[in-house]
Protein backbone atom coordinates (compact mmCIF):
# COMPACT_ATOMS: atom_id res chain seq x y z
CA MET A 1 -6.71 -16.26 -4.70
CA SER A 2 -5.96 -19.47 -3.60
CA ASP A 3 -1.94 -20.47 -3.20
CA SER A 4 -2.00 -23.02 -6.47
CA VAL A 5 -2.89 -19.47 -8.65
CA ASN A 6 -0.84 -16.78 -6.34
CA GLY A 7 2.58 -19.16 -6.53
CA ALA A 8 3.16 -18.20 -2.93
CA ALA A 9 3.56 -20.48 -0.11
CA ARG A 10 1.14 -20.03 3.16
CA GLN A 11 3.78 -19.96 5.28
CA ASP A 12 5.37 -17.19 3.53
CA VAL A 13 2.94 -14.68 3.44
CA LEU A 14 1.97 -12.00 5.79
CA ILE A 15 -0.52 -9.80 4.10
CA ARG A 16 -3.29 -11.44 2.01
CA VAL A 17 -6.00 -9.18 0.34
CA GLU A 18 -8.59 -10.99 -1.20
CA HIS A 19 -11.33 -9.17 -3.20
CA LEU A 20 -10.84 -6.05 -1.01
CA LYS A 21 -13.20 -2.70 -1.22
CA LYS A 22 -13.35 0.56 0.03
CA TYR A 23 -16.52 2.45 -0.79
CA PHE A 24 -17.38 5.74 0.90
CA PRO A 25 -20.34 7.43 1.07
CA VAL A 26 -21.40 11.01 -0.25
CA LYS A 27 -24.76 12.49 -0.01
CA THR A 28 -25.94 14.26 -3.31
CA GLY A 29 -29.31 15.52 -2.11
CA ALA A 30 -31.88 15.46 0.86
CA MET A 31 -32.99 11.36 0.19
CA GLN A 32 -29.68 10.57 -2.34
CA LYS A 33 -26.46 8.94 -1.48
CA LYS A 34 -23.71 7.90 -3.92
CA TYR A 35 -20.44 6.24 -2.89
CA VAL A 36 -16.94 7.31 -3.99
CA GLN A 37 -15.51 3.51 -4.70
CA ALA A 38 -11.56 4.07 -3.65
CA VAL A 39 -10.97 0.54 -3.81
CA GLU A 40 -12.14 -2.27 -5.64
CA ASP A 41 -11.66 -5.64 -5.88
CA ALA A 42 -7.77 -5.62 -4.86
CA ASP A 43 -6.43 -9.45 -4.40
CA PHE A 44 -2.75 -9.51 -4.00
CA PHE A 45 0.09 -10.68 -0.74
CA ILE A 46 2.77 -9.74 0.15
CA ARG A 47 5.38 -12.21 1.87
CA LYS A 48 7.41 -11.97 4.92
CA GLY A 49 10.58 -9.55 4.77
CA GLU A 50 9.83 -8.09 1.01
CA THR A 51 9.03 -4.26 0.10
CA PHE A 52 5.78 -4.53 -1.88
CA GLY A 53 5.48 -1.18 -4.05
CA LEU A 54 2.46 0.37 -4.68
CA VAL A 55 2.12 3.01 -7.99
CA GLY A 56 -0.21 4.67 -9.60
CA GLU A 57 -1.27 8.56 -10.34
CA SER A 58 -2.87 10.72 -7.11
CA GLY A 59 -6.16 9.45 -6.54
CA CYS A 60 -6.12 5.95 -7.64
CA GLY A 61 -6.68 4.56 -3.91
CA LYS A 62 -3.66 3.41 -3.32
CA THR A 63 -3.42 5.26 0.30
CA THR A 64 -6.38 4.08 1.10
CA LEU A 65 -5.79 0.35 0.39
CA GLY A 66 -3.20 0.99 3.36
CA ARG A 67 -4.78 2.11 5.49
CA ALA A 68 -7.71 -0.14 4.89
CA ILE A 69 -5.24 -3.09 5.22
CA LEU A 70 -4.70 -1.87 8.52
CA ARG A 71 -8.15 -1.12 8.94
CA LEU A 72 -7.42 2.28 10.03
CA HIS A 73 -10.43 2.58 7.04
CA GLU A 74 -13.01 -0.30 7.67
CA PRO A 75 -13.23 -2.27 4.48
CA THR A 76 -16.55 -1.99 2.99
CA GLU A 77 -15.77 -5.75 1.29
CA GLY A 78 -13.32 -8.45 1.87
CA ARG A 79 -10.80 -10.68 3.53
CA ILE A 80 -7.78 -9.36 5.24
CA THR A 81 -5.54 -11.98 6.66
CA TYR A 82 -2.50 -11.36 8.98
CA GLY A 83 -0.19 -14.66 9.10
CA ASP A 84 -2.77 -17.10 10.02
CA GLN A 85 -5.29 -14.96 11.28
CA VAL A 86 -7.96 -13.37 9.74
CA ILE A 87 -8.12 -9.67 11.04
CA TYR A 88 -11.70 -9.23 8.60
CA ASP A 89 -14.20 -10.76 6.79
CA SER A 90 -17.08 -9.00 5.32
CA GLY A 91 -18.76 -12.64 4.84
CA GLY A 92 -19.36 -14.84 1.75
CA PHE A 93 -16.04 -17.19 1.90
CA PRO A 94 -16.32 -20.51 2.13
CA THR A 95 -15.21 -22.28 5.69
CA GLY A 96 -14.88 -26.09 4.38
CA GLU A 97 -17.88 -27.09 5.87
CA LYS A 98 -21.34 -28.21 4.80
CA ASP A 99 -24.58 -27.77 6.00
CA SER A 100 -27.30 -30.43 6.19
CA ARG A 101 -28.17 -30.19 2.72
CA GLY A 102 -25.00 -30.31 1.14
CA GLU A 103 -24.19 -26.36 0.82
CA PRO A 104 -20.91 -24.92 1.28
CA VAL A 105 -21.04 -22.72 4.44
CA LEU A 106 -19.85 -19.40 4.33
CA SER A 107 -18.24 -17.62 6.88
CA LYS A 108 -20.12 -14.51 8.78
CA PRO A 109 -18.94 -11.04 8.80
CA PHE A 110 -15.74 -11.05 11.43
CA GLN A 111 -13.89 -7.89 12.75
CA ALA A 112 -10.75 -8.67 15.10
CA ASN A 113 -9.74 -6.78 17.81
CA MET A 114 -6.89 -4.61 16.15
CA LEU A 115 -5.25 -4.09 19.42
CA PRO A 116 -2.87 -6.89 19.68
CA PHE A 117 -2.34 -6.73 15.86
CA ARG A 118 -1.07 -2.58 16.48
CA ARG A 119 1.74 -3.81 17.91
CA LYS A 120 2.45 -6.01 14.31
CA MET A 121 1.22 -3.44 12.05
CA GLN A 122 2.45 0.36 11.87
CA ILE A 123 2.22 3.17 9.36
CA ILE A 124 4.52 5.90 8.61
CA PHE A 125 2.54 9.28 7.29
CA GLN A 126 3.39 11.05 3.90
CA ASP A 127 3.25 14.64 5.75
CA PRO A 128 5.59 14.18 8.98
CA SER A 129 4.30 17.82 10.18
CA ALA A 130 0.97 17.04 9.84
CA SER A 131 1.17 13.48 11.33
CA LEU A 132 3.00 14.89 14.87
CA ASP A 133 1.00 16.95 17.61
CA PRO A 134 2.31 19.86 17.64
CA ARG A 135 1.00 20.28 21.41
CA MET A 136 3.17 17.24 22.66
CA THR A 137 7.14 16.32 23.27
CA VAL A 138 9.03 14.58 20.78
CA GLY A 139 9.72 12.02 23.68
CA GLU A 140 5.48 11.82 24.21
CA ILE A 141 4.95 11.46 20.67
CA VAL A 142 7.24 8.27 20.15
CA GLY A 143 6.79 6.91 24.16
CA GLU A 144 2.33 7.30 23.69
CA ALA A 145 2.49 3.59 21.46
CA LEU A 146 4.56 1.97 24.60
CA ASP A 147 2.00 3.34 27.11
CA ILE A 148 -0.69 2.21 25.06
CA HIS A 149 0.28 -1.25 25.06
CA ASN A 150 2.00 -1.60 28.49
CA LEU A 151 5.31 -2.02 27.58
CA TYR A 152 7.36 0.09 29.82
CA LYS A 153 6.34 0.08 33.82
CA GLU A 154 9.59 1.61 34.84
CA LYS A 155 10.27 5.63 33.73
CA GLU A 156 14.07 4.77 33.27
CA ALA A 157 13.16 1.78 30.85
CA ARG A 158 10.63 4.24 29.06
CA ARG A 159 12.92 6.96 28.66
CA ARG A 160 15.62 4.79 27.24
CA ARG A 161 13.95 3.13 24.95
CA ILE A 162 12.99 6.59 23.31
CA GLN A 163 16.38 7.80 23.30
CA GLU A 164 17.36 4.79 21.80
CA LEU A 165 14.84 5.14 18.81
CA LEU A 166 15.92 8.53 18.29
CA VAL A 167 19.04 7.38 17.85
CA GLN A 168 18.05 4.47 15.71
CA VAL A 169 16.67 7.06 13.17
CA GLY A 170 19.13 9.06 12.93
CA LEU A 171 18.42 12.37 15.65
CA ASN A 172 20.06 12.53 18.88
CA SER A 173 18.68 11.54 22.61
CA GLU A 174 18.33 15.11 24.09
CA HIS A 175 15.71 15.57 20.96
CA SER A 176 13.00 14.21 23.12
CA ASN A 177 12.79 17.47 25.13
CA ARG A 178 11.74 19.12 22.21
CA TYR A 179 8.36 19.93 19.95
CA PRO A 180 8.12 18.82 16.57
CA HIS A 181 7.79 22.45 15.19
CA GLU A 182 11.62 22.78 16.04
CA PHE A 183 12.69 20.07 13.15
CA SER A 184 13.04 20.42 9.81
CA GLY A 185 10.43 17.88 7.34
CA GLY A 186 13.25 15.20 6.95
CA GLN A 187 13.79 15.04 11.06
CA GLN A 188 9.71 15.25 11.41
CA GLN A 189 9.90 12.74 9.04
CA ARG A 190 12.55 10.18 11.21
CA ILE A 191 10.16 10.84 14.25
CA GLY A 192 7.63 9.85 12.53
CA ILE A 193 9.46 6.78 11.73
CA ALA A 194 10.89 6.05 15.28
CA ARG A 195 7.28 6.66 16.67
CA ALA A 196 6.47 3.58 13.94
CA LEU A 197 9.08 1.23 15.20
CA ALA A 198 8.63 1.94 18.70
CA VAL A 199 6.10 -1.50 18.91
CA GLU A 200 8.92 -3.57 17.11
CA PRO A 201 6.28 -4.27 14.66
CA GLU A 202 6.52 -6.49 11.83
CA PHE A 203 4.74 -5.18 8.70
CA ILE A 204 4.93 -1.03 8.29
CA VAL A 205 3.13 1.04 5.58
CA CYS A 206 4.69 3.43 3.94
CA ASP A 207 2.84 6.28 3.00
CA GLU A 208 4.50 8.13 0.79
CA PRO A 209 6.99 8.64 3.21
CA ILE A 210 9.31 11.29 1.26
CA SER A 211 7.30 12.67 -1.42
CA ALA A 212 7.23 15.85 0.66
CA LEU A 213 10.86 16.28 1.30
CA ASP A 214 13.60 17.28 -0.62
CA VAL A 215 15.80 15.69 -3.16
CA SER A 216 18.58 15.36 -1.06
CA ILE A 217 17.10 14.26 1.84
CA GLN A 218 14.56 11.54 -0.13
CA SER A 219 17.42 9.40 -0.24
CA GLN A 220 18.59 9.13 3.31
CA ILE A 221 15.26 8.06 4.10
CA VAL A 222 14.98 5.46 1.81
CA ASN A 223 18.68 4.42 2.73
CA MET A 224 17.41 4.27 6.53
CA LEU A 225 13.99 2.15 5.52
CA GLU A 226 16.28 -0.37 3.92
CA ASP A 227 18.71 -0.71 6.38
CA MET A 228 16.17 -1.41 9.16
CA GLN A 229 14.76 -3.62 7.01
CA ASN A 230 17.26 -5.71 7.03
CA GLU A 231 18.37 -5.40 10.77
CA MET A 232 15.33 -6.00 11.90
CA GLY A 233 13.52 -8.42 9.48
CA LEU A 234 11.09 -5.95 8.46
CA THR A 235 7.91 -6.11 5.49
CA TYR A 236 6.75 -2.83 3.99
CA LEU A 237 3.56 -1.69 1.64
CA PHE A 238 5.79 1.22 0.14
CA ILE A 239 3.30 3.88 -1.12
CA ALA A 240 4.74 6.13 -3.64
CA HIS A 241 4.77 8.55 -7.12
CA ASP A 242 8.22 8.02 -7.94
CA LEU A 243 8.57 5.25 -10.07
CA SER A 244 12.69 4.93 -9.96
CA VAL A 245 12.61 5.34 -6.21
CA VAL A 246 9.92 2.24 -6.26
CA ARG A 247 11.82 0.11 -8.41
CA HIS A 248 15.29 1.05 -6.33
CA ILE A 249 13.37 -0.28 -3.14
CA SER A 250 10.73 -3.15 -4.00
CA ASP A 251 10.68 -6.76 -4.34
CA ARG A 252 7.54 -6.44 -6.08
CA ILE A 253 5.23 -3.77 -7.50
CA GLY A 254 1.63 -3.40 -7.61
CA VAL A 255 -0.10 -0.77 -10.31
CA MET A 256 -3.37 0.38 -9.43
CA TYR A 257 -5.90 2.64 -11.68
CA LEU A 258 -9.16 4.09 -10.05
CA GLY A 259 -9.10 1.91 -7.20
CA SER A 260 -8.64 -0.92 -9.02
CA MET A 261 -5.18 -3.29 -9.07
CA VAL A 262 -4.34 -3.44 -12.81
CA GLU A 263 -0.72 -5.23 -12.71
CA LEU A 264 1.37 -6.77 -10.07
CA ALA A 265 4.51 -8.35 -10.89
CA GLU A 266 8.57 -9.06 -9.90
CA SER A 267 10.46 -5.11 -9.61
CA LYS A 268 12.74 -6.52 -13.04
CA GLU A 269 9.88 -7.95 -14.53
CA LEU A 270 7.84 -5.04 -14.39
CA TYR A 271 10.27 -2.86 -15.57
CA ARG A 272 11.71 -4.96 -17.95
CA ASN A 273 8.51 -6.39 -19.21
CA PRO A 274 4.98 -4.19 -18.79
CA LEU A 275 2.30 -5.74 -19.77
CA HIS A 276 -0.86 -3.39 -18.70
CA PRO A 277 -1.63 -0.61 -21.31
CA TYR A 278 -1.70 2.01 -18.00
CA THR A 279 1.75 0.75 -16.58
CA LYS A 280 3.67 0.62 -20.40
CA THR A 281 2.30 4.93 -20.09
CA LEU A 282 3.66 5.13 -16.75
CA LEU A 283 7.14 3.72 -17.14
CA SER A 284 7.16 5.89 -20.53
CA ALA A 285 7.49 8.39 -18.40
CA VAL A 286 10.30 7.43 -16.18
CA PRO A 287 13.04 10.19 -17.26
CA VAL A 288 16.23 8.17 -18.30
CA PRO A 289 19.76 9.80 -17.03
CA ASP A 290 21.11 9.51 -20.70
CA PRO A 291 19.91 12.10 -23.18
CA GLU A 292 20.86 9.67 -26.78
CA LYS A 293 18.15 6.92 -25.23
CA SER A 294 15.68 9.72 -23.58
CA ARG A 295 15.21 11.29 -27.18
CA ALA A 296 15.05 7.69 -28.97
CA ARG A 297 12.16 7.11 -26.24
CA ARG A 298 8.55 7.15 -27.12
CA ARG A 299 6.23 8.70 -24.39
CA ILE A 300 2.79 7.86 -24.55
CA MET A 301 0.29 10.39 -23.52
CA LEU A 302 -3.34 9.24 -22.14
CA GLU A 303 -5.89 11.51 -23.81
CA GLY A 304 -8.78 12.35 -21.65
CA GLU A 305 -9.83 12.89 -17.97
CA ILE A 306 -10.07 10.18 -15.52
CA PRO A 307 -13.15 9.44 -14.54
CA SER A 308 -14.69 10.07 -11.13
CA PRO A 309 -14.14 7.35 -8.62
CA MET A 310 -18.09 8.12 -7.77
CA ASP A 311 -19.20 7.11 -11.37
CA PRO A 312 -16.64 4.62 -13.13
CA PRO A 313 -17.12 3.45 -16.57
CA GLY A 314 -18.34 -0.08 -16.80
CA GLY A 315 -16.51 -2.98 -17.91
CA CYS A 316 -12.05 -2.54 -17.75
CA ARG A 317 -12.14 1.14 -15.85
CA PHE A 318 -9.12 2.10 -18.01
CA HIS A 319 -10.99 1.77 -21.46
CA THR A 320 -11.74 5.18 -21.73
CA ARG A 321 -8.14 6.28 -22.38
CA CYS A 322 -6.69 3.00 -23.49
CA PRO A 323 -5.53 3.61 -27.06
CA TYR A 324 -6.31 -0.58 -27.73
CA ALA A 325 -9.73 -0.77 -26.08
CA GLU A 326 -12.23 -2.68 -28.02
CA GLU A 327 -15.81 -3.07 -27.73
CA ARG A 328 -15.80 -5.73 -25.04
CA CYS A 329 -13.44 -4.14 -22.99
CA SER A 330 -16.57 -1.40 -22.35
CA ARG A 331 -18.72 -4.13 -21.30
CA GLU A 332 -16.85 -6.53 -19.29
CA ALA A 333 -14.65 -6.20 -16.64
CA PRO A 334 -11.18 -8.38 -17.15
CA GLU A 335 -10.05 -10.97 -14.89
CA TRP A 336 -7.55 -10.85 -12.44
CA ARG A 337 -5.20 -13.20 -13.55
CA GLU A 338 -1.54 -14.70 -13.70
CA VAL A 339 -0.22 -14.02 -17.60
CA GLY A 340 3.20 -14.98 -16.68
CA GLU A 341 5.44 -16.58 -14.05
CA ASP A 342 4.23 -14.60 -10.68
CA HIS A 343 2.59 -11.83 -13.20
CA PHE A 344 -0.49 -10.86 -12.97
CA ALA A 345 -2.34 -8.40 -14.70
CA ALA A 346 -6.60 -7.85 -15.31
CA CYS A 347 -6.65 -6.72 -19.06
CA HIS A 348 -8.81 -8.15 -22.30
CA ILE A 349 -6.28 -7.99 -24.70
CA ILE A 350 -2.54 -8.57 -23.27
CA GLY A 351 -1.28 -10.81 -26.47
CA SER A 352 -3.47 -8.23 -28.63
CA TYR A 353 -1.79 -5.40 -30.77
CA GLY A 354 1.44 -6.05 -29.60
CA VAL A 355 0.01 -5.66 -25.89
């Protein structure tokens, strides 16, 4: 994706994902192997200091995409750039040079040493209780990253830093001596956030950080994330199911279906002017607090089941459930293109049938 196409100046971009794929091998027999195509040809960027929302149905590949960017899942194909440094490149990308025959020279597969980038890139997990080691105290959990990166040689300075982090996320400094099971779900998520902040990162993947929490706690966590972003200049990839929360916190939003990105736009633009049929379906399900408006709205119901990512349909992956699908949609995969200013979509029929 060139800078002229994606509308973002290179110095404004923190994360750039190009044609990223992630397939998981699955044994189907003694000599046969299939692949779960969890992420297929993801292509987007995240600007410094923004919150990039990622939405879609369960199993669409949101979490896998977030973890592939951090290389917690090693990508199958594509290119990931952090700032001006390539952290993964499967090869096949032009280097700008030419060989003796005048042919473009393509880069070789490249995997950067991720340890220096772990300080810059962190993750907040969906299930706080499952992501915290029950055998470790809170102080050990939060301080583990400090030890890995050798940030504090003096024990007293390390202890003070851990207590500062706990206070920063709304806990008490003396909580460092307790174990995860002694805390509520909301408090456990605060511990996870403190752990992510320990090494002073620039970019955090928020993997559905509020979906396992009570509604009364969700707003507290979201507000805390926003406050930390303003204070520390953080950049977020915010993965969630709740479209109203994503709208509230995100600057731009990407919509995924069956491993593929189908639409991407600025938050207000996406809710005001959704173009892809799948995006329209998702937004039609968002509750409206006004009873009269709610009754007047038309809920779009999709027919059929979501295809298996082990055997996705040819052409457009959404065509088996799309009410506007035509014959071309089953044959050709739609091009990821700019359909409006900073508004991208992958659909053959945008502009037709009222879409």
